[in-house]
C-alpha atoms as a PDB file:
ATOM      1  CA  MET A   1     -16.522 -21.241  52.775  1.00  0.00           C
ATOM      2  CA  ALA A   2     -15.863 -24.977  52.187  1.00  0.00           C
ATOM      3  CA  LEU A   3     -17.904 -24.938  49.040  1.00  0.00           C
ATOM      4  CA  GLY A   4     -15.906 -22.015  47.744  1.00  0.00           C
ATOM      5  CA  THR A   5     -12.656 -23.673  48.391  1.00  0.00           C
ATOM      6  CA  LEU A   6     -13.893 -26.795  46.802  1.00  0.00           C
ATOM      7  CA  GLY A   7     -14.916 -24.813  43.542  1.00  0.00           C
ATOM      8  CA  PHE A   8     -11.494 -23.137  43.306  1.00  0.00           C
ATOM      9  CA  LYS A   9      -9.818 -26.523  43.649  1.00  0.00           C
ATOM     10  CA  CYS A  10     -12.209 -28.015  40.944  1.00  0.00           C
ATOM     11  CA  PHE A  11     -11.348 -25.031  38.419  1.00  0.00           C
ATOM     12  CA  ARG A  12      -7.632 -25.668  38.919  1.00  0.00           C
ATOM     13  CA  MET A  13      -8.176 -29.336  37.942  1.00  0.00           C
ATOM     14  CA  VAL A  14      -9.749 -28.292  34.532  1.00  0.00           C
ATOM     15  CA  HIS A  15      -7.774 -29.697  31.795  1.00  0.00           C
ATOM     16  CA  PRO A  16      -5.122 -27.286  30.322  1.00  0.00           C
ATOM     17  CA  ALA A  17      -6.507 -27.380  26.790  1.00  0.00           C
ATOM     18  CA  PHE A  18      -9.824 -26.285  28.114  1.00  0.00           C
ATOM     19  CA  ARG A  19      -8.241 -23.527  30.045  1.00  0.00           C
ATOM     20  CA  ASN A  20      -6.515 -22.331  26.809  1.00  0.00           C
ATOM     21  CA  TYR A  21      -9.887 -22.344  25.092  1.00  0.00           C
ATOM     22  CA  LEU A  22     -11.255 -20.042  27.825  1.00  0.00           C
ATOM     23  CA  ALA A  23      -8.477 -17.762  27.440  1.00  0.00           C
ATOM     24  CA  ALA A  24      -8.700 -17.637  23.639  1.00  0.00           C
ATOM     25  CA  SER A  25     -12.414 -17.034  23.899  1.00  0.00           C
ATOM     26  CA  MET A  26     -11.803 -13.728  25.583  1.00  0.00           C
ATOM     27  CA  ARG A  27     -10.049 -12.446  22.493  1.00  0.00           C
ATOM     28  CA  PRO A  28     -12.217 -10.477  20.091  1.00  0.00           C
ATOM     29  CA  VAL A  29     -13.292 -11.981  16.853  1.00  0.00           C
ATOM     30  CA  SER A  30     -12.312  -9.838  13.789  1.00  0.00           C
ATOM     31  CA  GLU A  31     -12.021 -12.089  10.957  1.00  0.00           C
ATOM     32  CA  ALA A  32     -13.146 -15.155   9.321  1.00  0.00           C
ATOM     33  CA  THR A  33     -10.786 -17.111   7.003  1.00  0.00           C
ATOM     34  CA  LEU A  34     -11.752 -19.093   3.890  1.00  0.00           C
ATOM     35  CA  LYS A  35     -10.615 -22.793   3.865  1.00  0.00           C
ATOM     36  CA  THR A  36     -11.189 -25.310   1.086  1.00  0.00           C
ATOM     37  CA  VAL A  37     -13.196 -28.350   2.065  1.00  0.00           C
ATOM     38  CA  HIS A  38     -11.727 -31.342   0.097  1.00  0.00           C
ATOM     39  CA  GLU A  39     -15.069 -32.910  -0.737  1.00  0.00           C
ATOM     40  CA  ARG A  40     -17.963 -32.240  -3.137  1.00  0.00           C
ATOM     41  CA  GLN A  41     -21.523 -31.939  -2.264  1.00  0.00           C
ATOM     42  CA  HIS A  42     -23.702 -32.334  -5.155  1.00  0.00           C
ATOM     43  CA  GLY A  43     -21.168 -31.496  -7.589  1.00  0.00           C
ATOM     44  CA  HIS A  44     -20.315 -28.149  -5.943  1.00  0.00           C
ATOM     45  CA  ARG A  45     -17.225 -26.841  -4.774  1.00  0.00           C
ATOM     46  CA  GLN A  46     -17.362 -25.892  -1.137  1.00  0.00           C
ATOM     47  CA  TYR A  47     -15.573 -23.214   0.736  1.00  0.00           C
ATOM     48  CA  VAL A  48     -16.115 -22.495   4.327  1.00  0.00           C
ATOM     49  CA  ALA A  49     -15.500 -19.662   6.590  1.00  0.00           C
ATOM     50  CA  TYR A  50     -14.299 -20.430  10.156  1.00  0.00           C
ATOM     51  CA  PRO A  51     -14.093 -17.776  12.660  1.00  0.00           C
ATOM     52  CA  ALA A  52     -11.139 -17.777  15.054  1.00  0.00           C
ATOM     53  CA  VAL A  53     -13.544 -18.338  18.210  1.00  0.00           C
ATOM     54  CA  SER A  54     -17.273 -18.279  18.387  1.00  0.00           C
ATOM     55  CA  VAL A  55     -18.096 -15.824  20.988  1.00  0.00           C
ATOM     56  CA  ARG A  56     -20.773 -13.144  21.601  1.00  0.00           C
ATOM     57  CA  HIS A  57     -19.820  -9.636  22.251  1.00  0.00           C
ATOM     58  CA  PHE A  58     -22.065  -7.144  24.135  1.00  0.00           C
ATOM     59  CA  ALA A  59     -22.080  -3.664  22.567  1.00  0.00           C
ATOM     60  CA  THR A  60     -23.004  -0.466  23.935  1.00  0.00           C
ATOM     61  CA  LYS A  61     -26.220   1.221  22.736  1.00  0.00           C
ATOM     62  CA  LYS A  62     -24.208   3.565  20.644  1.00  0.00           C
ATOM     63  CA  ALA A  63     -22.484   0.637  18.949  1.00  0.00           C
ATOM     64  CA  LYS A  64     -25.493  -1.195  18.423  1.00  0.00           C
ATOM     65  CA  ALA A  65     -27.195   1.780  16.760  1.00  0.00           C
ATOM     66  CA  LYS A  66     -24.242   2.250  14.576  1.00  0.00           C
ATOM     67  CA  GLY A  67     -23.888  -1.259  13.514  1.00  0.00           C
ATOM     68  CA  LYS A  68     -27.635  -2.120  13.286  1.00  0.00           C
ATOM     69  CA  GLY A  69     -28.383  -4.581  10.610  1.00  0.00           C
ATOM     70  CA  GLN A  70     -24.603  -5.284   9.969  1.00  0.00           C
ATOM     71  CA  SER A  71     -22.631  -8.287  10.869  1.00  0.00           C
ATOM     72  CA  GLN A  72     -19.972  -7.781  13.368  1.00  0.00           C
ATOM     73  CA  THR A  73     -17.646 -10.458  11.874  1.00  0.00           C
ATOM     74  CA  ARG A  74     -15.398  -9.424   8.928  1.00  0.00           C
ATOM     75  CA  VAL A  75     -14.615 -11.630   6.213  1.00  0.00           C
ATOM     76  CA  ASN A  76     -11.043 -12.044   4.956  1.00  0.00           C
ATOM     77  CA  ILE A  77     -10.993 -14.301   1.894  1.00  0.00           C
ATOM     78  CA  ASN A  78      -7.898 -15.636   0.481  1.00  0.00           C
ATOM     79  CA  THR A  79      -8.199 -14.311  -3.044  1.00  0.00           C
ATOM     80  CA  ALA A  80      -6.178 -17.282  -4.511  1.00  0.00           C
ATOM     81  CA  LEU A  81      -8.685 -19.718  -3.246  1.00  0.00           C
ATOM     82  CA  VAL A  82     -11.519 -18.125  -5.354  1.00  0.00           C
ATOM     83  CA  GLU A  83      -9.472 -16.661  -8.226  1.00  0.00           C
ATOM     84  CA  ASP A  84     -11.391 -19.371 -10.585  1.00  0.00           C
ATOM     85  CA  ILE A  85     -14.631 -17.923  -9.484  1.00  0.00           C
ATOM     86  CA  ILE A  86     -13.889 -14.216  -9.513  1.00  0.00           C
ATOM     87  CA  ASN A  87     -10.813 -11.970  -9.309  1.00  0.00           C
ATOM     88  CA  LEU A  88     -11.238 -10.106  -5.970  1.00  0.00           C
ATOM     89  CA  GLU A  89      -7.875  -8.392  -6.542  1.00  0.00           C
ATOM     90  CA  GLU A  90      -9.282  -6.992  -9.715  1.00  0.00           C
ATOM     91  CA  VAL A  91     -12.439  -5.729  -8.043  1.00  0.00           C
ATOM     92  CA  ASN A  92     -10.303  -4.151  -5.177  1.00  0.00           C
ATOM     93  CA  GLU A  93      -8.177  -2.288  -7.729  1.00  0.00           C
ATOM     94  CA  ASP A  94     -11.493  -1.010  -9.372  1.00  0.00           C
ATOM     95  CA  MET A  95     -12.819   0.275  -6.266  1.00  0.00           C
ATOM     96  CA  LYS A  96      -9.411   1.886  -5.400  1.00  0.00           C
ATOM     97  CA  SER A  97      -9.414   3.673  -8.752  1.00  0.00           C
ATOM     98  CA  VAL A  98     -12.634   5.304  -7.814  1.00  0.00           C
ATOM     99  CA  ILE A  99     -11.078   6.757  -4.634  1.00  0.00           C
ATOM    100  CA  GLU A 100      -8.027   7.987  -6.576  1.00  0.00           C
ATOM    101  CA  ALA A 101     -10.361   9.565  -9.247  1.00  0.00           C
ATOM    102  CA  LEU A 102     -12.165  11.506  -6.530  1.00  0.00           C
ATOM    103  CA  LYS A 103      -8.877  12.685  -4.836  1.00  0.00           C
ATOM    104  CA  ASP A 104      -7.614  13.826  -8.155  1.00  0.00           C
ATOM    105  CA  ASN A 105     -10.913  15.663  -8.881  1.00  0.00           C
ATOM    106  CA  PHE A 106     -10.553  17.404  -5.581  1.00  0.00           C
ATOM    107  CA  ASN A 107      -6.883  18.454  -6.177  1.00  0.00           C
ATOM    108  CA  LYS A 108      -7.479  19.791  -9.687  1.00  0.00           C
ATOM    109  CA  THR A 109     -10.887  21.490  -9.614  1.00  0.00           C
ATOM    110  CA  LEU A 110     -11.875  22.208  -5.890  1.00  0.00           C
ATOM    111  CA  ASN A 111      -9.407  24.875  -4.601  1.00  0.00           C
ATOM    112  CA  ILE A 112     -10.085  28.102  -2.920  1.00  0.00           C
ATOM    113  CA  ARG A 113      -7.904  29.959  -5.520  1.00  0.00           C
ATOM    114  CA  THR A 114      -9.068  29.163  -8.874  1.00  0.00           C
ATOM    115  CA  SER A 115      -5.979  28.304 -10.973  1.00  0.00           C
ATOM    116  CA  PRO A 116      -5.517  27.533 -14.720  1.00  0.00           C
ATOM    117  CA  GLY A 117      -5.037  23.849 -13.794  1.00  0.00           C
ATOM    118  CA  SER A 118      -8.503  23.961 -12.213  1.00  0.00           C
ATOM    119  CA  LEU A 119      -9.963  24.471 -15.916  1.00  0.00           C
ATOM    120  CA  ASP A 120      -7.717  21.675 -17.490  1.00  0.00           C
ATOM    121  CA  GLN A 121     -10.233  18.754 -17.250  1.00  0.00           C
ATOM    122  CA  ILE A 122     -13.479  20.434 -17.703  1.00  0.00           C
ATOM    123  CA  ALA A 123     -15.225  18.379 -20.201  1.00  0.00           C
ATOM    124  CA  VAL A 124     -16.224  20.080 -23.483  1.00  0.00           C
ATOM    125  CA  VAL A 125     -18.753  18.460 -25.836  1.00  0.00           C
ATOM    126  CA  THR A 126     -17.387  18.653 -29.275  1.00  0.00           C
ATOM    127  CA  ALA A 127     -18.337  16.803 -32.790  1.00  0.00           C
ATOM    128  CA  GLU A 128     -15.337  14.265 -31.868  1.00  0.00           C
ATOM    129  CA  GLY A 129     -17.087  13.549 -28.537  1.00  0.00           C
ATOM    130  CA  LYS A 130     -16.113  14.870 -24.979  1.00  0.00           C
ATOM    131  CA  LEU A 131     -12.648  16.299 -24.748  1.00  0.00           C
ATOM    132  CA  ALA A 132     -10.814  17.901 -21.846  1.00  0.00           C
ATOM    133  CA  LEU A 133     -10.630  21.695 -22.082  1.00  0.00           C
ATOM    134  CA  ASN A 134      -6.708  21.773 -22.153  1.00  0.00           C
ATOM    135  CA  GLN A 135      -6.852  19.404 -25.222  1.00  0.00           C
ATOM    136  CA  ILE A 136      -8.378  21.988 -27.488  1.00  0.00           C
ATOM    137  CA  SER A 137      -7.128  25.304 -26.014  1.00  0.00           C
ATOM    138  CA  GLN A 138      -4.222  27.098 -24.303  1.00  0.00           C
ATOM    139  CA  ILE A 139      -4.997  28.069 -20.856  1.00  0.00           C
ATOM    140  CA  SER A 140      -2.973  30.549 -19.030  1.00  0.00           C
ATOM    141  CA  MET A 141      -2.900  33.120 -16.052  1.00  0.00           C
ATOM    142  CA  LYS A 142      -3.346  36.749 -17.277  1.00  0.00           C
ATOM    143  CA  SER A 143      -3.362  38.092 -13.694  1.00  0.00           C
ATOM    144  CA  PRO A 144      -4.360  36.852 -10.169  1.00  0.00           C
ATOM    145  CA  GLN A 145      -7.974  37.870 -11.058  1.00  0.00           C
ATOM    146  CA  LEU A 146      -8.196  36.613 -14.822  1.00  0.00           C
ATOM    147  CA  ILE A 147      -7.527  33.276 -16.537  1.00  0.00           C
ATOM    148  CA  LEU A 148      -7.285  33.345 -20.437  1.00  0.00           C
ATOM    149  CA  VAL A 149      -8.560  30.505 -22.480  1.00  0.00           C
ATOM    150  CA  ASN A 150      -7.259  30.680 -26.117  1.00  0.00           C
ATOM    151  CA  MET A 151      -9.380  28.689 -28.591  1.00  0.00           C
ATOM    152  CA  ALA A 152      -7.488  29.677 -31.797  1.00  0.00           C
ATOM    153  CA  SER A 153      -6.549  26.025 -32.616  1.00  0.00           C
ATOM    154  CA  PHE A 154     -10.268  24.950 -32.324  1.00  0.00           C
ATOM    155  CA  PRO A 155     -12.468  28.006 -33.077  1.00  0.00           C
ATOM    156  CA  GLU A 156     -15.411  25.906 -33.900  1.00  0.00           C
ATOM    157  CA  CYS A 157     -15.432  24.636 -30.100  1.00  0.00           C
ATOM    158  CA  THR A 158     -15.439  28.149 -28.659  1.00  0.00           C
ATOM    159  CA  ALA A 159     -19.189  28.107 -27.895  1.00  0.00           C
ATOM    160  CA  ALA A 160     -19.184  24.818 -26.497  1.00  0.00           C
ATOM    161  CA  ALA A 161     -16.089  25.630 -24.288  1.00  0.00           C
ATOM    162  CA  ILE A 162     -17.918  28.704 -22.893  1.00  0.00           C
ATOM    163  CA  LYS A 163     -20.895  26.390 -21.976  1.00  0.00           C
ATOM    164  CA  ALA A 164     -18.712  23.838 -20.249  1.00  0.00           C
ATOM    165  CA  ILE A 165     -16.877  26.595 -18.193  1.00  0.00           C
ATOM    166  CA  ARG A 166     -20.075  28.096 -17.049  1.00  0.00           C
ATOM    167  CA  GLU A 167     -21.734  24.829 -16.157  1.00  0.00           C
ATOM    168  CA  SER A 168     -18.668  23.375 -14.458  1.00  0.00           C
ATOM    169  CA  GLY A 169     -20.100  24.272 -11.001  1.00  0.00           C
ATOM    170  CA  MET A 170     -17.112  26.456 -10.274  1.00  0.00           C
ATOM    171  CA  ASN A 171     -18.999  29.615 -10.174  1.00  0.00           C
ATOM    172  CA  LEU A 172     -17.369  30.933 -13.262  1.00  0.00           C
ATOM    173  CA  ASN A 173     -18.740  33.404 -15.797  1.00  0.00           C
ATOM    174  CA  PRO A 174     -16.675  33.441 -18.922  1.00  0.00           C
ATOM    175  CA  GLU A 175     -16.560  36.236 -21.436  1.00  0.00           C
ATOM    176  CA  VAL A 176     -15.739  35.888 -25.204  1.00  0.00           C
ATOM    177  CA  GLU A 177     -13.552  38.039 -27.417  1.00  0.00           C
ATOM    178  CA  GLY A 178     -13.425  36.221 -30.756  1.00  0.00           C
ATOM    179  CA  THR A 179     -11.621  33.074 -30.026  1.00  0.00           C
ATOM    180  CA  LEU A 180     -10.271  34.281 -26.637  1.00  0.00           C
ATOM    181  CA  ILE A 181     -12.272  33.356 -23.528  1.00  0.00           C
ATOM    182  CA  ARG A 182     -11.771  35.614 -20.458  1.00  0.00           C
ATOM    183  CA  VAL A 183     -12.460  33.856 -17.078  1.00  0.00           C
ATOM    184  CA  PRO A 184     -12.614  36.294 -14.025  1.00  0.00           C
ATOM    185  CA  ILE A 185     -11.597  34.521 -10.860  1.00  0.00           C
ATOM    186  CA  PRO A 186     -14.303  34.733  -8.157  1.00  0.00           C
ATOM    187  CA  GLN A 187     -13.428  36.394  -5.013  1.00  0.00           C
ATOM    188  CA  VAL A 188     -12.919  34.010  -1.944  1.00  0.00           C
ATOM    189  CA  THR A 189     -16.192  34.727   0.054  1.00  0.00           C
ATOM    190  CA  ARG A 190     -17.980  32.461   2.431  1.00  0.00           C
ATOM    191  CA  GLU A 191     -20.615  31.943  -0.354  1.00  0.00           C
ATOM    192  CA  HIS A 192     -17.943  30.787  -2.680  1.00  0.00           C
ATOM    193  CA  ARG A 193     -16.494  28.380  -0.163  1.00  0.00           C
ATOM    194  CA  GLU A 194     -19.985  26.916   0.449  1.00  0.00           C
ATOM    195  CA  MET A 195     -20.538  26.533  -3.238  1.00  0.00           C
ATOM    196  CA  LEU A 196     -17.166  24.555  -3.453  1.00  0.00           C
ATOM    197  CA  VAL A 197     -18.306  22.380  -0.639  1.00  0.00           C
ATOM    198  CA  LYS A 198     -21.604  21.694  -2.339  1.00  0.00           C
ATOM    199  CA  LEU A 199     -19.635  20.760  -5.586  1.00  0.00           C
ATOM    200  CA  ALA A 200     -17.274  18.373  -3.416  1.00  0.00           C
ATOM    201  CA  LYS A 201     -20.555  16.374  -2.191  1.00  0.00           C
ATOM    202  CA  GLN A 202     -21.804  16.203  -5.571  1.00  0.00           C
ATOM    203  CA  ASN A 203     -18.530  14.762  -6.920  1.00  0.00           C
ATOM    204  CA  THR A 204     -18.546  12.220  -3.915  1.00  0.00           C
ATOM    205  CA  ASN A 205     -21.978  11.183  -4.844  1.00  0.00           C
ATOM    206  CA  LYS A 206     -20.886  10.510  -8.411  1.00  0.00           C
ATOM    207  CA  ALA A 207     -18.007   8.546  -7.067  1.00  0.00           C
ATOM    208  CA  LYS A 208     -20.332   6.377  -4.985  1.00  0.00           C
ATOM    209  CA  ASP A 209     -22.438   5.882  -8.300  1.00  0.00           C
ATOM    210  CA  SER A 210     -19.156   4.753  -9.956  1.00  0.00           C
ATOM    211  CA  LEU A 211     -18.600   2.343  -7.004  1.00  0.00           C
ATOM    212  CA  ARG A 212     -21.994   0.924  -7.267  1.00  0.00           C
ATOM    213  CA  LYS A 213     -21.361   0.031 -10.803  1.00  0.00           C
ATOM    214  CA  VAL A 214     -18.186  -1.748  -9.686  1.00  0.00           C
ATOM    215  CA  ARG A 215     -19.920  -3.626  -6.940  1.00  0.00           C
ATOM    216  CA  THR A 216     -22.863  -4.613  -9.451  1.00  0.00           C
ATOM    217  CA  ASN A 217     -20.595  -5.892 -12.167  1.00  0.00           C
ATOM    218  CA  ALA A 218     -18.713  -8.005  -9.496  1.00  0.00           C
ATOM    219  CA  MET A 219     -22.024  -9.424  -8.129  1.00  0.00           C
ATOM    220  CA  ASN A 220     -23.287 -10.272 -11.701  1.00  0.00           C
ATOM    221  CA  LYS A 221     -20.014 -12.035 -12.520  1.00  0.00           C
ATOM    222  CA  LEU A 222     -20.093 -13.970  -9.367  1.00  0.00           C
ATOM    223  CA  LYS A 223     -23.710 -14.996 -10.116  1.00  0.00           C
ATOM    224  CA  LYS A 224     -22.545 -16.736 -13.202  1.00  0.00           C
ATOM    225  CA  SER A 225     -20.867 -19.284 -11.094  1.00  0.00           C
ATOM    226  CA  LYS A 226     -23.887 -20.284  -9.184  1.00  0.00           C
ATOM    227  CA  ASP A 227     -24.442 -23.458 -10.989  1.00  0.00           C
ATOM    228  CA  THR A 228     -20.881 -24.783 -10.202  1.00  0.00           C
ATOM    229  CA  VAL A 229     -20.273 -23.135  -6.779  1.00  0.00           C
ATOM    230  CA  SER A 230     -22.206 -23.802  -3.470  1.00  0.00           C
ATOM    231  CA  GLU A 231     -24.633 -21.211  -2.229  1.00  0.00           C
ATOM    232  CA  ASP A 232     -22.589 -20.825   0.947  1.00  0.00           C
ATOM    233  CA  THR A 233     -19.481 -19.908  -1.046  1.00  0.00           C
ATOM    234  CA  ILE A 234     -21.492 -17.583  -3.161  1.00  0.00           C
ATOM    235  CA  ARG A 235     -22.865 -15.729  -0.043  1.00  0.00           C
ATOM    236  CA  LEU A 236     -19.446 -15.596   1.517  1.00  0.00           C
ATOM    237  CA  ILE A 237     -17.895 -13.963  -1.492  1.00  0.00           C
ATOM    238  CA  GLU A 238     -20.791 -11.646  -1.825  1.00  0.00           C
ATOM    239  CA  LYS A 239     -20.122 -10.479   1.809  1.00  0.00           C
ATOM    240  CA  GLN A 240     -16.606  -9.964   0.967  1.00  0.00           C
ATOM    241  CA  ILE A 241     -17.586  -7.726  -1.959  1.00  0.00           C
ATOM    242  CA  SER A 242     -19.980  -5.704  -0.009  1.00  0.00           C
ATOM    243  CA  GLN A 243     -17.453  -5.278   2.787  1.00  0.00           C
ATOM    244  CA  MET A 244     -14.834  -4.013   0.259  1.00  0.00           C
ATOM    245  CA  ALA A 245     -17.414  -1.589  -1.145  1.00  0.00           C
ATOM    246  CA  ASP A 246     -18.618  -0.438   2.364  1.00  0.00           C
ATOM    247  CA  ASP A 247     -14.861   0.286   3.283  1.00  0.00           C
ATOM    248  CA  THR A 248     -14.480   2.391  -0.003  1.00  0.00           C
ATOM    249  CA  VAL A 249     -17.540   4.345   0.910  1.00  0.00           C
ATOM    250  CA  ALA A 250     -16.026   5.057   4.290  1.00  0.00           C
ATOM    251  CA  GLU A 251     -12.824   6.277   2.479  1.00  0.00           C
ATOM    252  CA  LEU A 252     -14.765   8.402   0.217  1.00  0.00           C
ATOM    253  CA  GLU A 253     -16.456  10.043   3.055  1.00  0.00           C
ATOM    254  CA  ARG A 254     -13.251  10.486   4.826  1.00  0.00           C
ATOM    255  CA  HIS A 255     -11.739  12.472   1.969  1.00  0.00           C
ATOM    256  CA  LEU A 256     -14.870  14.532   1.627  1.00  0.00           C
ATOM    257  CA  ALA A 257     -14.549  15.381   5.281  1.00  0.00           C
ATOM    258  CA  VAL A 258     -10.971  16.514   4.743  1.00  0.00           C
ATOM    259  CA  LYS A 259     -11.743  18.552   1.672  1.00  0.00           C
ATOM    260  CA  THR A 260     -14.729  20.133   3.355  1.00  0.00           C
ATOM    261  CA  LYS A 261     -12.588  21.328   6.286  1.00  0.00           C
ATOM    262  CA  GLU A 262     -10.042  22.638   3.784  1.00  0.00           C
ATOM    263  CA  LEU A 263     -12.505  24.679   1.870  1.00  0.00           C
ATOM    264  CA  LEU A 264     -14.458  26.158   4.806  1.00  0.00           C
ATOM    265  CA  GLY A 265     -11.210  27.219   6.433  1.00  0.00           C
END
């Protein structure tokens, strides 16, 4: 009992600054900030990431399985400090544009009820290159069961337009009468819904391919600075770019999940 009382008294005598450190160390580490070290090592600019507190967290088995092979500490670089190396804001905008393109694709082409607007952006291969269907035709709704595509302005593109509509992945079977393409609207069956979900997954995978190109271009641009910037700084920025890409993938998956739920009803 006497030892316990003595230990408690000793704990109370601990310096207030150390007690504050103990209190701070109980808070989770979520970010690392980038600071500039005002010195040069072998002629290299040096940037160092300082975690708020170095503390080990004990995760559940489920969390470990989910985060296996991934660092638990997120990087949050001040883009202004590295703008002479790489424009991270521009990289971020490029990644966001991938998300917006997928959302636009989902809204325009993946709907339970096929509408004239669903055909607008179908790419048609012409002598002038790929053109959107609505650039070379007039698209209108004849009835709830039929869409008309008038190719009178570009009759030479009629065959290519039919091919593009048929291969659009929207389960459409166009019929032609001269320069007028008739597009019967498929019935909303379970099979049709599942086909749209499959198309949504394909479009999401294409978006991920576009994202990989953005990430690769950013990494290649970063590597060009390896002779003037320290290896630690390069690795830190690489981690930031990878983190941005991972966040974008998660957002793409979220939009796919929402669209899948909408399509399957």
